[in-house]
N, C-alpha and C. Protein backbone atom coordinates (compact mmCIF):
# COMPACT_ATOMS: atom_id res chain seq x y z
N UNK A 1 0.85 -1.18 0.00
CA UNK A 1 0.00 0.00 0.00
C UNK A 1 0.89 1.25 0.00
N UNK A 2 0.55 2.18 -0.85
CA UNK A 2 1.33 3.40 -0.98
C UNK A 2 0.95 4.41 0.10
N UNK A 3 1.95 4.96 0.75
CA UNK A 3 1.70 5.98 1.77
C UNK A 3 1.64 7.35 1.10
N UNK A 4 0.70 8.15 1.54
CA UNK A 4 0.55 9.50 1.00
C UNK A 4 0.92 10.51 2.08
N UNK A 5 1.54 11.62 1.67
CA UNK A 5 1.87 12.65 2.67
C UNK A 5 0.60 13.20 3.31
N UNK A 6 0.68 13.47 4.57
CA UNK A 6 -0.47 13.94 5.34
C UNK A 6 -0.79 15.41 5.07
N UNK A 7 0.20 16.23 4.80
CA UNK A 7 0.01 17.67 4.63
C UNK A 7 -1.02 18.00 3.54
N UNK A 8 -0.93 17.43 2.31
CA UNK A 8 -1.94 17.77 1.29
C UNK A 8 -3.36 17.36 1.69
N UNK A 9 -3.48 16.27 2.40
CA UNK A 9 -4.80 15.82 2.84
C UNK A 9 -5.39 16.80 3.84
N UNK A 10 -4.59 17.23 4.80
CA UNK A 10 -5.06 18.19 5.81
C UNK A 10 -5.39 19.53 5.16
N UNK A 11 -4.55 19.98 4.24
CA UNK A 11 -4.83 21.24 3.53
C UNK A 11 -6.14 21.16 2.77
N UNK A 12 -6.40 20.03 2.14
CA UNK A 12 -7.64 19.84 1.39
C UNK A 12 -8.86 19.90 2.32
N UNK A 13 -8.75 19.30 3.48
CA UNK A 13 -9.85 19.32 4.45
C UNK A 13 -10.12 20.74 4.91
N UNK A 14 -9.08 21.49 5.26
CA UNK A 14 -9.26 22.87 5.70
C UNK A 14 -9.82 23.75 4.59
N UNK A 15 -9.42 23.49 3.37
CA UNK A 15 -9.93 24.27 2.23
C UNK A 15 -11.43 24.04 2.07
N UNK A 16 -11.85 22.78 2.16
CA UNK A 16 -13.28 22.48 2.04
C UNK A 16 -14.09 23.07 3.19
N UNK A 17 -13.52 23.03 4.39
CA UNK A 17 -14.23 23.56 5.55
C UNK A 17 -14.35 25.08 5.51
N UNK A 18 -13.36 25.75 4.93
CA UNK A 18 -13.40 27.21 4.88
C UNK A 18 -14.17 27.71 3.66
N UNK A 19 -14.47 26.84 2.73
CA UNK A 19 -15.22 27.19 1.53
C UNK A 19 -16.71 27.26 1.88
N UNK A 20 -17.39 28.37 1.56
CA UNK A 20 -18.81 28.48 1.89
C UNK A 20 -19.66 27.35 1.30
N UNK A 21 -19.36 26.92 0.08
CA UNK A 21 -20.11 25.83 -0.52
C UNK A 21 -19.87 24.53 0.25
N UNK A 22 -18.65 24.32 0.69
CA UNK A 22 -18.32 23.14 1.48
C UNK A 22 -19.03 23.16 2.82
N UNK A 23 -19.12 24.35 3.41
CA UNK A 23 -19.82 24.48 4.69
C UNK A 23 -21.31 24.19 4.52
N UNK A 24 -21.89 24.66 3.41
CA UNK A 24 -23.30 24.39 3.13
C UNK A 24 -23.53 22.88 2.98
N UNK A 25 -22.65 22.24 2.25
CA UNK A 25 -22.76 20.80 2.02
C UNK A 25 -22.68 20.05 3.34
N UNK A 26 -21.71 20.41 4.19
CA UNK A 26 -21.56 19.76 5.48
C UNK A 26 -22.76 19.99 6.38
N UNK A 27 -23.29 21.20 6.36
CA UNK A 27 -24.46 21.52 7.18
C UNK A 27 -25.66 20.69 6.73
N UNK A 28 -25.82 20.54 5.41
CA UNK A 28 -26.92 19.73 4.89
C UNK A 28 -26.77 18.28 5.34
N UNK A 29 -25.57 17.75 5.25
CA UNK A 29 -25.33 16.37 5.69
C UNK A 29 -25.62 16.20 7.17
N UNK A 30 -25.21 17.18 7.96
CA UNK A 30 -25.42 17.11 9.41
C UNK A 30 -26.90 17.20 9.79
N UNK A 31 -27.65 18.07 9.12
CA UNK A 31 -29.03 18.33 9.51
C UNK A 31 -30.06 17.49 8.76
N UNK A 32 -29.65 16.79 7.71
CA UNK A 32 -30.63 16.04 6.93
C UNK A 32 -31.45 15.06 7.78
N UNK A 33 -30.85 14.29 8.70
CA UNK A 33 -31.67 13.39 9.52
C UNK A 33 -32.76 14.12 10.33
N UNK A 34 -32.48 15.34 10.75
CA UNK A 34 -33.49 16.12 11.49
C UNK A 34 -34.57 16.64 10.55
N UNK A 35 -34.17 17.04 9.35
CA UNK A 35 -35.13 17.57 8.37
C UNK A 35 -36.05 16.46 7.88
N UNK A 36 -35.47 15.34 7.48
CA UNK A 36 -36.25 14.26 6.87
C UNK A 36 -36.83 13.30 7.90
N UNK A 37 -36.24 13.23 9.07
CA UNK A 37 -36.64 12.25 10.06
C UNK A 37 -35.71 11.04 9.99
N UNK A 38 -35.59 10.36 11.08
CA UNK A 38 -34.62 9.26 11.19
C UNK A 38 -34.89 8.15 10.20
N UNK A 39 -36.13 7.73 10.07
CA UNK A 39 -36.46 6.62 9.17
C UNK A 39 -36.23 6.99 7.71
N UNK A 40 -36.71 8.15 7.31
CA UNK A 40 -36.60 8.57 5.92
C UNK A 40 -35.15 8.85 5.55
N UNK A 41 -34.39 9.41 6.46
CA UNK A 41 -33.00 9.75 6.14
C UNK A 41 -32.16 8.50 5.86
N UNK A 42 -32.57 7.34 6.39
CA UNK A 42 -31.86 6.10 6.11
C UNK A 42 -32.00 5.68 4.65
N UNK A 43 -33.05 6.16 3.99
CA UNK A 43 -33.35 5.76 2.61
C UNK A 43 -33.14 6.90 1.61
N UNK A 44 -32.52 7.98 2.07
CA UNK A 44 -32.34 9.15 1.20
C UNK A 44 -30.94 9.73 1.36
N UNK A 45 -30.55 10.52 0.37
CA UNK A 45 -29.29 11.26 0.43
C UNK A 45 -29.54 12.59 -0.26
N UNK A 46 -29.34 13.69 0.47
CA UNK A 46 -29.60 15.03 -0.06
C UNK A 46 -28.29 15.71 -0.44
N UNK A 47 -28.35 16.46 -1.54
CA UNK A 47 -27.17 17.21 -2.01
C UNK A 47 -27.62 18.53 -2.60
N UNK A 48 -26.77 19.54 -2.42
CA UNK A 48 -27.00 20.81 -3.11
C UNK A 48 -26.56 20.66 -4.55
N UNK A 49 -27.32 21.25 -5.45
CA UNK A 49 -26.93 21.32 -6.85
C UNK A 49 -26.89 22.79 -7.24
N UNK A 50 -26.57 23.03 -8.48
CA UNK A 50 -26.58 24.43 -8.94
C UNK A 50 -28.02 24.94 -8.94
N UNK A 51 -28.17 26.19 -9.11
CA UNK A 51 -29.49 26.84 -9.16
C UNK A 51 -30.24 26.78 -7.84
N UNK A 52 -29.49 26.71 -6.73
CA UNK A 52 -30.08 26.78 -5.39
C UNK A 52 -31.16 25.72 -5.19
N UNK A 53 -30.83 24.54 -5.58
CA UNK A 53 -31.75 23.41 -5.50
C UNK A 53 -31.12 22.29 -4.68
N UNK A 54 -31.95 21.56 -3.96
CA UNK A 54 -31.49 20.38 -3.24
C UNK A 54 -32.07 19.17 -3.96
N UNK A 55 -31.19 18.26 -4.32
CA UNK A 55 -31.60 17.02 -4.96
C UNK A 55 -31.55 15.93 -3.90
N UNK A 56 -32.62 15.16 -3.82
CA UNK A 56 -32.69 14.08 -2.84
C UNK A 56 -32.81 12.76 -3.60
N UNK A 57 -31.81 11.91 -3.42
CA UNK A 57 -31.85 10.58 -4.00
C UNK A 57 -32.54 9.66 -3.01
N UNK A 58 -33.48 8.88 -3.51
CA UNK A 58 -34.30 8.00 -2.68
C UNK A 58 -34.13 6.57 -3.20
N UNK A 59 -33.94 5.62 -2.30
CA UNK A 59 -33.70 4.25 -2.73
C UNK A 59 -34.96 3.43 -2.99
N UNK A 60 -36.13 4.07 -2.93
CA UNK A 60 -37.39 3.37 -3.13
C UNK A 60 -38.35 4.27 -3.88
N UNK A 61 -38.93 3.79 -4.96
CA UNK A 61 -39.79 4.64 -5.79
C UNK A 61 -41.08 5.05 -5.07
N UNK A 62 -41.62 4.20 -4.26
CA UNK A 62 -42.84 4.55 -3.51
C UNK A 62 -42.55 5.67 -2.53
N UNK A 63 -41.44 5.57 -1.84
CA UNK A 63 -41.06 6.62 -0.89
C UNK A 63 -40.78 7.93 -1.63
N UNK A 64 -40.12 7.85 -2.77
CA UNK A 64 -39.84 9.07 -3.55
C UNK A 64 -41.13 9.76 -3.96
N UNK A 65 -42.11 8.98 -4.40
CA UNK A 65 -43.41 9.55 -4.77
C UNK A 65 -44.08 10.20 -3.57
N UNK A 66 -44.07 9.50 -2.45
CA UNK A 66 -44.68 10.02 -1.22
C UNK A 66 -44.01 11.33 -0.79
N UNK A 67 -42.69 11.37 -0.83
CA UNK A 67 -41.97 12.58 -0.44
C UNK A 67 -42.30 13.74 -1.38
N UNK A 68 -42.33 13.48 -2.66
CA UNK A 68 -42.58 14.56 -3.62
C UNK A 68 -44.02 15.05 -3.57
N UNK A 69 -44.96 14.19 -3.22
CA UNK A 69 -46.36 14.57 -3.20
C UNK A 69 -46.84 15.13 -1.86
N UNK A 70 -46.39 14.53 -0.76
CA UNK A 70 -46.93 14.91 0.54
C UNK A 70 -46.00 15.75 1.41
N UNK A 71 -44.68 15.56 1.24
CA UNK A 71 -43.74 16.17 2.18
C UNK A 71 -42.81 17.21 1.58
N UNK A 72 -42.88 17.41 0.29
CA UNK A 72 -41.95 18.32 -0.37
C UNK A 72 -41.99 19.73 0.22
N UNK A 73 -43.17 20.28 0.38
CA UNK A 73 -43.30 21.65 0.88
C UNK A 73 -42.72 21.78 2.29
N UNK A 74 -43.00 20.83 3.16
CA UNK A 74 -42.48 20.87 4.53
C UNK A 74 -40.97 20.76 4.56
N UNK A 75 -40.42 19.87 3.75
CA UNK A 75 -38.96 19.71 3.67
C UNK A 75 -38.34 20.98 3.12
N UNK A 76 -38.93 21.54 2.09
CA UNK A 76 -38.42 22.79 1.50
C UNK A 76 -38.40 23.91 2.54
N UNK A 77 -39.47 24.05 3.29
CA UNK A 77 -39.53 25.10 4.32
C UNK A 77 -38.47 24.90 5.40
N UNK A 78 -38.26 23.66 5.82
CA UNK A 78 -37.23 23.41 6.84
C UNK A 78 -35.85 23.75 6.30
N UNK A 79 -35.58 23.39 5.05
CA UNK A 79 -34.29 23.72 4.44
C UNK A 79 -34.12 25.22 4.30
N UNK A 80 -35.19 25.91 3.93
CA UNK A 80 -35.12 27.37 3.82
C UNK A 80 -34.90 28.01 5.18
N UNK A 81 -35.47 27.45 6.23
CA UNK A 81 -35.23 27.96 7.58
C UNK A 81 -33.76 27.78 7.98
N UNK A 82 -33.16 26.67 7.57
CA UNK A 82 -31.76 26.40 7.91
C UNK A 82 -30.79 27.26 7.10
N UNK A 83 -31.05 27.39 5.79
CA UNK A 83 -30.08 28.01 4.89
C UNK A 83 -30.50 29.38 4.39
N UNK A 84 -31.78 29.73 4.53
CA UNK A 84 -32.30 30.99 4.01
C UNK A 84 -33.11 30.74 2.74
N UNK A 85 -34.17 31.50 2.58
CA UNK A 85 -35.04 31.32 1.41
C UNK A 85 -34.29 31.56 0.11
N UNK A 86 -33.34 32.49 0.13
CA UNK A 86 -32.58 32.78 -1.08
C UNK A 86 -31.57 31.71 -1.44
N UNK A 87 -31.30 30.80 -0.52
CA UNK A 87 -30.29 29.76 -0.76
C UNK A 87 -30.89 28.43 -1.22
N UNK A 88 -32.17 28.22 -0.94
CA UNK A 88 -32.84 26.98 -1.36
C UNK A 88 -34.16 27.36 -2.02
N UNK A 89 -34.23 27.15 -3.32
CA UNK A 89 -35.43 27.51 -4.08
C UNK A 89 -36.34 26.32 -4.34
N UNK A 90 -35.76 25.10 -4.38
CA UNK A 90 -36.57 23.94 -4.73
C UNK A 90 -35.92 22.67 -4.18
N UNK A 91 -36.74 21.63 -4.06
CA UNK A 91 -36.28 20.30 -3.68
C UNK A 91 -36.84 19.33 -4.71
N UNK A 92 -35.97 18.50 -5.24
CA UNK A 92 -36.40 17.49 -6.23
C UNK A 92 -36.00 16.12 -5.73
N UNK A 93 -36.86 15.16 -5.98
CA UNK A 93 -36.64 13.79 -5.54
C UNK A 93 -36.43 12.88 -6.74
N UNK A 94 -35.42 12.03 -6.64
CA UNK A 94 -35.10 11.09 -7.72
C UNK A 94 -34.88 9.71 -7.11
N UNK A 95 -35.26 8.70 -7.86
CA UNK A 95 -35.05 7.32 -7.43
C UNK A 95 -33.68 6.88 -7.95
N UNK A 96 -32.90 6.29 -7.08
CA UNK A 96 -31.60 5.80 -7.50
C UNK A 96 -30.82 5.24 -6.33
N UNK A 97 -29.63 4.80 -6.66
CA UNK A 97 -28.73 4.24 -5.66
C UNK A 97 -28.15 5.37 -4.81
N UNK A 98 -28.11 5.16 -3.50
CA UNK A 98 -27.55 6.17 -2.60
C UNK A 98 -26.03 6.03 -2.63
N UNK A 99 -25.37 7.15 -2.92
CA UNK A 99 -23.90 7.13 -2.97
C UNK A 99 -23.34 8.10 -1.99
């Protein structure tokens, strides 16, 4: 196994943490279980995309439909409360593998 110098790895971590986009991403990861709920967060993965949108990957098509039809507005409002209305304009749900 090849050893890598530690300095570039640490610098990369600090760069991401000091980057506003990186901070937003980390905050979303940290708060997603509270926004979606413990059960739903196990089956979803949320990410910021361009155009001030949050994309949520869902591992089950029935759950994705339910989220988009019944819970989208509530999730959007919670995200807007966390990040600001100007920072989150929409939430979209897609069925796929969680990565």
